[in-house]
């Protein structure tokens, strides 16, 4: 928890303008003697970005834990059901195919992108839900989600190939991921929706522990497998879909953080991994965002670059040092 607080302070302080620790504390505790420039930077830019990092880190890491625990597959992640690809398809239709969503809704460009990504995620989610009524094997559902993701990615690639340079650039910037572009109004939508996804996953926590011993054992213990599947897919889709809509696709956190939690806490107990993954996800994304600010510089690197460059080697090194991690996945 101390590391989380330090990560929050670091995230608020670094950037093109370095804000002293005392001014951050003064602002957070409502002091009126705070430097007006620092107060504007913190309130309008840094604090929303930090809250976005906390929310995205918690939602994506928990989504990854749910998917890996339910499917019992270490490669499963929050976007494995095609949620991210559906969001990318929605944004591609807006920016590459030229569908003018703002003219129909009266929304600005940022809200139009968020809405199009949410609609794309929702469309894929509805297809997956329909398929889950007909497919009772969770491994087949996993494969189906991967196939949907591949199909939607192919459609996006076609639109990219035929799009203009300026449209392609806008879509590319969205695909890099961005935590710093959210306003307080957007956070008021994102925070409660991700909170609903977390509450739904809490409901499934006890049954997931039984699932770790096998589907047959879970069924013999009275676990409602169909209800559990709906809860996992629904909570993951809400969290991953909303985060992708507002922040763009963010790599590594969903698939990597649950593995780090297992390696650090050396357990497969969901009661430990649940809060552990939440905390690790928030801390790692905050640290990655602080590095992406390139302290002392006016440049800000895409968050996807930092999460992939730092996260992947970290997981690889820990896996090489802990070769018995396979036993922790079951």
Protein backbone atom coordinates (compact mmCIF):
# COMPACT_ATOMS: atom_id res chain seq x y z
CA UNK A 1 0.00 0.00 0.00
CA UNK A 2 2.91 2.34 0.74
CA UNK A 3 4.33 1.62 -2.70
CA UNK A 4 0.96 2.45 -4.25
CA UNK A 5 0.84 5.82 -2.47
CA UNK A 6 4.40 6.60 -3.57
CA UNK A 7 3.50 5.64 -7.15
CA UNK A 8 0.50 8.00 -7.07
CA UNK A 9 2.67 10.89 -5.84
CA UNK A 10 5.32 10.12 -8.47
CA UNK A 11 2.72 10.01 -11.23
CA UNK A 12 1.35 13.42 -10.23
CA UNK A 13 4.76 15.03 -9.78
CA UNK A 14 6.62 14.08 -12.99
CA UNK A 15 6.11 15.57 -16.41
CA UNK A 16 7.24 18.58 -18.41
CA UNK A 17 6.70 20.60 -15.19
CA UNK A 18 8.12 18.99 -12.05
CA UNK A 19 5.77 19.58 -9.11
CA UNK A 20 7.29 19.43 -5.59
CA UNK A 21 5.93 16.90 -3.11
CA UNK A 22 4.73 19.62 -0.74
CA UNK A 23 2.55 21.26 -3.38
CA UNK A 24 0.97 17.89 -4.23
CA UNK A 25 0.11 17.23 -0.57
CA UNK A 26 -1.18 20.80 -0.16
CA UNK A 27 -3.48 20.41 -3.17
CA UNK A 28 -4.80 17.00 -2.12
CA UNK A 29 -5.63 18.30 1.36
CA UNK A 30 -7.40 21.37 -0.01
CA UNK A 31 -4.88 24.04 0.99
CA UNK A 32 -5.61 27.49 -0.49
CA UNK A 33 -1.94 28.51 -0.30
CA UNK A 34 -0.99 26.20 -3.16
CA UNK A 35 0.83 27.60 -6.21
CA UNK A 36 -1.91 28.50 -8.75
CA UNK A 37 0.01 27.06 -11.72
CA UNK A 38 0.64 23.79 -9.89
CA UNK A 39 -3.00 23.64 -8.78
CA UNK A 40 -4.18 23.99 -12.38
CA UNK A 41 -1.79 21.34 -13.67
CA UNK A 42 -2.70 18.86 -10.91
CA UNK A 43 -6.45 19.41 -11.04
CA UNK A 44 -6.90 19.58 -14.78
CA UNK A 45 -4.28 17.16 -16.10
CA UNK A 46 -2.26 15.12 -13.59
CA UNK A 47 -5.00 13.93 -11.22
CA UNK A 48 -7.36 12.71 -14.00
CA UNK A 49 -4.43 10.90 -15.61
CA UNK A 50 -3.49 9.25 -12.31
CA UNK A 51 -7.08 8.15 -11.66
CA UNK A 52 -7.23 6.75 -15.20
CA UNK A 53 -4.03 4.76 -14.55
CA UNK A 54 -5.39 3.42 -11.25
CA UNK A 55 -8.69 2.39 -12.85
CA UNK A 56 -7.14 0.87 -15.97
CA UNK A 57 -4.45 -0.97 -14.01
CA UNK A 58 -6.98 -2.47 -11.61
CA UNK A 59 -9.54 -3.39 -14.28
CA UNK A 60 -7.12 -4.94 -16.78
CA UNK A 61 -5.13 -6.94 -14.22
CA UNK A 62 -8.31 -8.30 -12.62
CA UNK A 63 -9.73 -9.15 -16.05
CA UNK A 64 -6.59 -11.12 -16.83
CA UNK A 65 -6.77 -12.99 -13.53
CA UNK A 66 -10.41 -13.93 -14.13
CA UNK A 67 -9.76 -15.17 -17.65
CA UNK A 68 -6.67 -17.18 -16.71
CA UNK A 69 -8.35 -18.72 -13.68
CA UNK A 70 -11.57 -19.65 -15.47
CA UNK A 71 -10.03 -20.98 -18.69
CA UNK A 72 -7.03 -22.39 -16.78
CA UNK A 73 -4.84 -21.03 -19.55
CA UNK A 74 -1.76 -18.88 -18.77
CA UNK A 75 -2.07 -17.13 -22.15
CA UNK A 76 -5.61 -15.91 -21.57
CA UNK A 77 -6.03 -12.16 -21.16
CA UNK A 78 -8.80 -9.59 -20.91
CA UNK A 79 -8.92 -9.14 -24.68
CA UNK A 80 -8.93 -12.83 -25.55
CA UNK A 81 -12.67 -12.80 -26.34
CA UNK A 82 -12.14 -10.20 -29.04
CA UNK A 83 -13.22 -7.24 -26.88
CA UNK A 84 -10.19 -5.14 -27.82
CA UNK A 85 -10.54 -6.04 -31.49
CA UNK A 86 -14.22 -5.06 -31.38
CA UNK A 87 -13.27 -1.70 -29.88
CA UNK A 88 -10.62 -1.23 -32.58
CA UNK A 89 -13.19 -2.02 -35.25
CA UNK A 90 -15.56 0.59 -33.83
CA UNK A 91 -12.85 3.26 -33.80
CA UNK A 92 -11.68 2.22 -37.27
CA UNK A 93 -15.21 2.69 -38.66
CA UNK A 94 -15.20 6.19 -37.19
CA UNK A 95 -11.70 7.35 -38.14
CA UNK A 96 -10.86 5.25 -41.20
CA UNK A 97 -14.20 4.53 -42.87
CA UNK A 98 -15.42 8.09 -42.31
CA UNK A 99 -18.64 7.32 -40.41
CA UNK A 100 -19.64 10.66 -38.87
CA UNK A 101 -20.89 9.58 -35.46
CA UNK A 102 -20.70 13.13 -34.10
CA UNK A 103 -23.32 14.30 -36.61
CA UNK A 104 -25.82 11.71 -35.30
CA UNK A 105 -25.11 12.16 -31.60
CA UNK A 106 -23.92 15.76 -31.28
CA UNK A 107 -20.86 14.58 -29.34
CA UNK A 108 -17.32 15.87 -29.64
CA UNK A 109 -14.48 13.92 -31.23
CA UNK A 110 -13.18 12.38 -27.97
CA UNK A 111 -16.64 11.21 -26.89
CA UNK A 112 -17.33 9.90 -30.40
CA UNK A 113 -14.21 7.73 -30.26
CA UNK A 114 -15.14 6.42 -26.80
CA UNK A 115 -18.69 5.67 -27.92
CA UNK A 116 -17.60 3.94 -31.13
CA UNK A 117 -15.11 1.78 -29.20
CA UNK A 118 -17.77 0.90 -26.63
CA UNK A 119 -20.27 -0.02 -29.36
CA UNK A 120 -17.68 -2.20 -31.10
CA UNK A 121 -16.87 -3.98 -27.84
CA UNK A 122 -20.58 -4.40 -27.09
CA UNK A 123 -21.25 -5.91 -30.52
CA UNK A 124 -18.55 -8.56 -30.06
CA UNK A 125 -19.73 -9.18 -26.50
CA UNK A 126 -23.31 -9.82 -27.66
CA UNK A 127 -22.07 -12.30 -30.27
CA UNK A 128 -19.98 -14.09 -27.63
CA UNK A 129 -22.96 -14.19 -25.26
CA UNK A 130 -25.12 -15.73 -27.97
CA UNK A 131 -22.41 -18.27 -28.73
CA UNK A 132 -22.09 -19.15 -25.03
CA UNK A 133 -25.72 -20.29 -25.05
CA UNK A 134 -24.89 -22.84 -27.73
CA UNK A 135 -21.32 -23.76 -26.76
CA UNK A 136 -20.96 -25.28 -23.29
CA UNK A 137 -17.23 -26.00 -23.51
CA UNK A 138 -15.24 -23.07 -22.14
CA UNK A 139 -12.17 -24.01 -24.21
CA UNK A 140 -14.25 -23.78 -27.39
CA UNK A 141 -15.53 -20.40 -26.23
CA UNK A 142 -11.94 -19.27 -25.80
CA UNK A 143 -11.05 -20.39 -29.33
CA UNK A 144 -14.18 -18.70 -30.69
CA UNK A 145 -13.17 -15.41 -29.08
CA UNK A 146 -9.71 -15.63 -30.64
CA UNK A 147 -11.26 -16.26 -34.05
CA UNK A 148 -13.58 -13.25 -33.67
CA UNK A 149 -10.57 -11.16 -32.71
CA UNK A 150 -8.67 -12.29 -35.81
CA UNK A 151 -11.64 -11.56 -38.09
CA UNK A 152 -12.19 -8.06 -36.72
CA UNK A 153 -8.45 -7.33 -36.90
CA UNK A 154 -8.51 -8.33 -40.56
CA UNK A 155 -11.37 -5.89 -41.23
CA UNK A 156 -9.43 -3.12 -39.49
CA UNK A 157 -6.35 -3.92 -41.60
CA UNK A 158 -8.42 -3.62 -44.79
CA UNK A 159 -9.66 -0.18 -43.74
CA UNK A 160 -6.12 0.86 -42.83
CA UNK A 161 -4.87 -0.17 -46.25
CA UNK A 162 -7.41 1.99 -48.10
CA UNK A 163 -7.51 4.94 -45.68
CA UNK A 164 -6.01 8.41 -46.07
CA UNK A 165 -2.82 9.39 -44.25
CA UNK A 166 -4.48 11.76 -41.75
CA UNK A 167 -7.17 9.22 -40.84
CA UNK A 168 -4.56 6.51 -40.45
CA UNK A 169 -2.55 8.77 -38.16
CA UNK A 170 -5.55 9.44 -35.88
CA UNK A 171 -6.29 5.73 -35.60
CA UNK A 172 -2.62 4.96 -34.94
CA UNK A 173 -2.46 7.47 -32.09
CA UNK A 174 -5.55 5.89 -30.50
CA UNK A 175 -4.03 2.41 -30.83
CA UNK A 176 -0.93 3.56 -28.92
CA UNK A 177 -3.00 3.94 -25.75
CA UNK A 178 -3.34 7.16 -23.78
CA UNK A 179 -4.01 7.84 -20.11
CA UNK A 180 -3.57 11.59 -20.22
CA UNK A 181 -6.43 12.56 -22.50
CA UNK A 182 -9.34 11.87 -20.13
CA UNK A 183 -11.47 14.64 -18.66
CA UNK A 184 -13.35 14.58 -15.37
CA UNK A 185 -16.60 14.04 -17.30
CA UNK A 186 -15.19 10.94 -18.99
CA UNK A 187 -13.85 9.63 -15.68
CA UNK A 188 -17.35 9.97 -14.20
CA UNK A 189 -18.46 7.39 -16.78
CA UNK A 190 -15.38 5.17 -16.72
CA UNK A 191 -14.93 4.81 -12.94
CA UNK A 192 -18.41 3.51 -11.99
CA UNK A 193 -18.55 1.10 -14.96
CA UNK A 194 -15.20 -0.45 -14.08
CA UNK A 195 -16.39 -0.53 -10.46
CA UNK A 196 -19.44 -2.56 -11.55
CA UNK A 197 -17.12 -5.01 -13.33
CA UNK A 198 -15.03 -5.41 -10.16
CA UNK A 199 -18.14 -6.03 -8.04
CA UNK A 200 -19.35 -8.69 -10.49
CA UNK A 201 -15.97 -10.41 -10.33
CA UNK A 202 -16.14 -10.42 -6.52
CA UNK A 203 -19.38 -12.38 -6.84
CA UNK A 204 -17.53 -15.04 -8.84
CA UNK A 205 -14.47 -15.22 -6.58
CA UNK A 206 -15.54 -18.16 -4.40
CA UNK A 207 -16.60 -20.28 -7.38
CA UNK A 208 -13.34 -19.53 -9.19
CA UNK A 209 -11.42 -21.06 -6.29
CA UNK A 210 -13.30 -24.32 -6.84
CA UNK A 211 -12.70 -24.08 -10.60
CA UNK A 212 -8.95 -24.08 -9.99
CA UNK A 213 -9.28 -27.75 -8.99
CA UNK A 214 -11.05 -28.66 -12.22
CA UNK A 215 -14.46 -28.26 -13.80
CA UNK A 216 -15.61 -31.71 -12.67
CA UNK A 217 -14.69 -30.99 -9.06
CA UNK A 218 -16.37 -27.58 -9.22
CA UNK A 219 -19.58 -29.13 -10.56
CA UNK A 220 -19.54 -31.75 -7.80
CA UNK A 221 -19.23 -28.94 -5.24
CA UNK A 222 -22.38 -27.32 -6.60
CA UNK A 223 -20.74 -24.50 -8.55
CA UNK A 224 -23.20 -23.14 -11.16
CA UNK A 225 -20.84 -23.35 -14.14
CA UNK A 226 -23.19 -21.60 -16.58
CA UNK A 227 -23.78 -18.68 -14.22
CA UNK A 228 -20.05 -18.46 -13.51
CA UNK A 229 -19.25 -18.28 -17.21
CA UNK A 230 -21.73 -15.43 -17.67
CA UNK A 231 -20.27 -13.56 -14.72
CA UNK A 232 -16.68 -13.92 -15.98
CA UNK A 233 -17.48 -12.93 -19.55
CA UNK A 234 -19.73 -10.05 -18.47
CA UNK A 235 -17.35 -8.54 -15.90
CA UNK A 236 -14.32 -8.92 -18.17
CA UNK A 237 -16.15 -7.42 -21.14
CA UNK A 238 -17.34 -4.43 -19.11
CA UNK A 239 -13.91 -3.67 -17.66
CA UNK A 240 -11.85 -4.29 -20.80
CA UNK A 241 -14.39 -2.68 -23.12
CA UNK A 242 -14.76 0.53 -21.08
CA UNK A 243 -11.03 0.90 -20.47
CA UNK A 244 -10.24 0.35 -24.15
CA UNK A 245 -12.94 2.82 -25.15
CA UNK A 246 -11.53 5.65 -23.05
CA UNK A 247 -7.80 4.82 -22.87
CA UNK A 248 -7.21 2.80 -26.03
CA UNK A 249 -5.72 -0.71 -26.01
CA UNK A 250 -3.08 -1.15 -23.29
CA UNK A 251 -0.73 -4.09 -23.66
CA UNK A 252 0.85 -6.45 -21.09
CA UNK A 253 -1.08 -5.44 -17.93
CA UNK A 254 -3.92 -7.92 -18.39
CA UNK A 255 -1.83 -10.95 -19.27
CA UNK A 256 1.35 -10.17 -17.32
CA UNK A 257 0.26 -8.81 -13.94
CA UNK A 258 -1.62 -11.97 -12.78
CA UNK A 259 1.57 -13.98 -13.43
CA UNK A 260 3.58 -11.48 -11.39
CA UNK A 261 1.05 -11.79 -8.57
CA UNK A 262 1.37 -15.59 -8.57
CA UNK A 263 5.16 -15.36 -8.58
CA UNK A 264 5.36 -12.75 -5.81
CA UNK A 265 2.75 -14.28 -3.50
CA UNK A 266 3.55 -17.91 -4.46
CA UNK A 267 -0.06 -19.07 -4.30
CA UNK A 268 -3.04 -19.95 -6.47
CA UNK A 269 -5.51 -18.81 -3.77
CA UNK A 270 -7.98 -16.42 -5.39
CA UNK A 271 -8.54 -14.65 -2.06
CA UNK A 272 -4.88 -13.56 -2.18
CA UNK A 273 -4.48 -13.10 -5.93
CA UNK A 274 -7.55 -10.88 -6.25
CA UNK A 275 -6.29 -7.96 -4.12
CA UNK A 276 -2.69 -8.70 -5.10
CA UNK A 277 -3.42 -8.37 -8.82
CA UNK A 278 -5.42 -5.18 -8.24
CA UNK A 279 -2.58 -3.52 -6.33
CA UNK A 280 0.15 -4.71 -8.70
CA UNK A 281 -1.84 -3.60 -11.75
CA UNK A 282 -2.32 -0.10 -10.35
CA UNK A 283 1.31 0.25 -9.25
CA UNK A 284 2.80 -1.05 -12.50
CA UNK A 285 0.63 1.12 -14.73
CA UNK A 286 1.36 4.19 -12.58
CA UNK A 287 5.11 3.54 -12.79
CA UNK A 288 4.92 2.93 -16.54
CA UNK A 289 2.98 6.16 -16.98
CA UNK A 290 5.59 8.07 -14.94
CA UNK A 291 8.35 6.72 -17.17
CA UNK A 292 6.30 7.55 -20.28
CA UNK A 293 6.25 11.20 -19.23
CA UNK A 294 10.04 11.32 -19.85
CA UNK A 295 10.76 13.44 -16.73
CA UNK A 296 12.43 16.74 -17.54
CA UNK A 297 11.29 16.61 -21.16
CA UNK A 298 8.29 17.88 -23.12
CA UNK A 299 7.82 14.47 -24.75
CA UNK A 300 5.30 11.84 -23.67
CA UNK A 301 5.76 8.32 -25.01
CA UNK A 302 2.74 6.09 -25.76
CA UNK A 303 1.86 4.00 -22.71
CA UNK A 304 1.80 0.81 -24.80
CA UNK A 305 5.49 1.16 -25.59
CA UNK A 306 6.47 1.42 -21.93
CA UNK A 307 4.22 -1.38 -20.65
CA UNK A 308 5.54 -3.78 -23.31
CA UNK A 309 9.21 -2.81 -23.06
CA UNK A 310 9.34 -2.98 -19.25
CA UNK A 311 6.64 -5.53 -18.49
CA UNK A 312 7.64 -8.37 -20.80
CA UNK A 313 11.30 -8.63 -19.65
CA UNK A 314 10.17 -8.43 -16.02
CA UNK A 315 7.81 -11.40 -16.39
CA UNK A 316 10.37 -13.37 -18.44
CA UNK A 317 13.10 -12.89 -15.82
CA UNK A 318 10.79 -13.91 -12.98
CA UNK A 319 9.59 -16.96 -14.89
CA UNK A 320 13.18 -18.07 -15.52
CA UNK A 321 13.94 -17.74 -11.81
CA UNK A 322 10.76 -19.60 -10.78
CA UNK A 323 10.44 -22.61 -13.06
CA UNK A 324 7.81 -24.23 -10.87
CA UNK A 325 5.28 -21.49 -11.69
CA UNK A 326 3.24 -23.97 -13.73
CA UNK A 327 2.03 -25.57 -10.53
CA UNK A 328 0.64 -22.21 -9.38
CA UNK A 329 -1.71 -21.96 -12.37
CA UNK A 330 -3.84 -24.89 -11.24
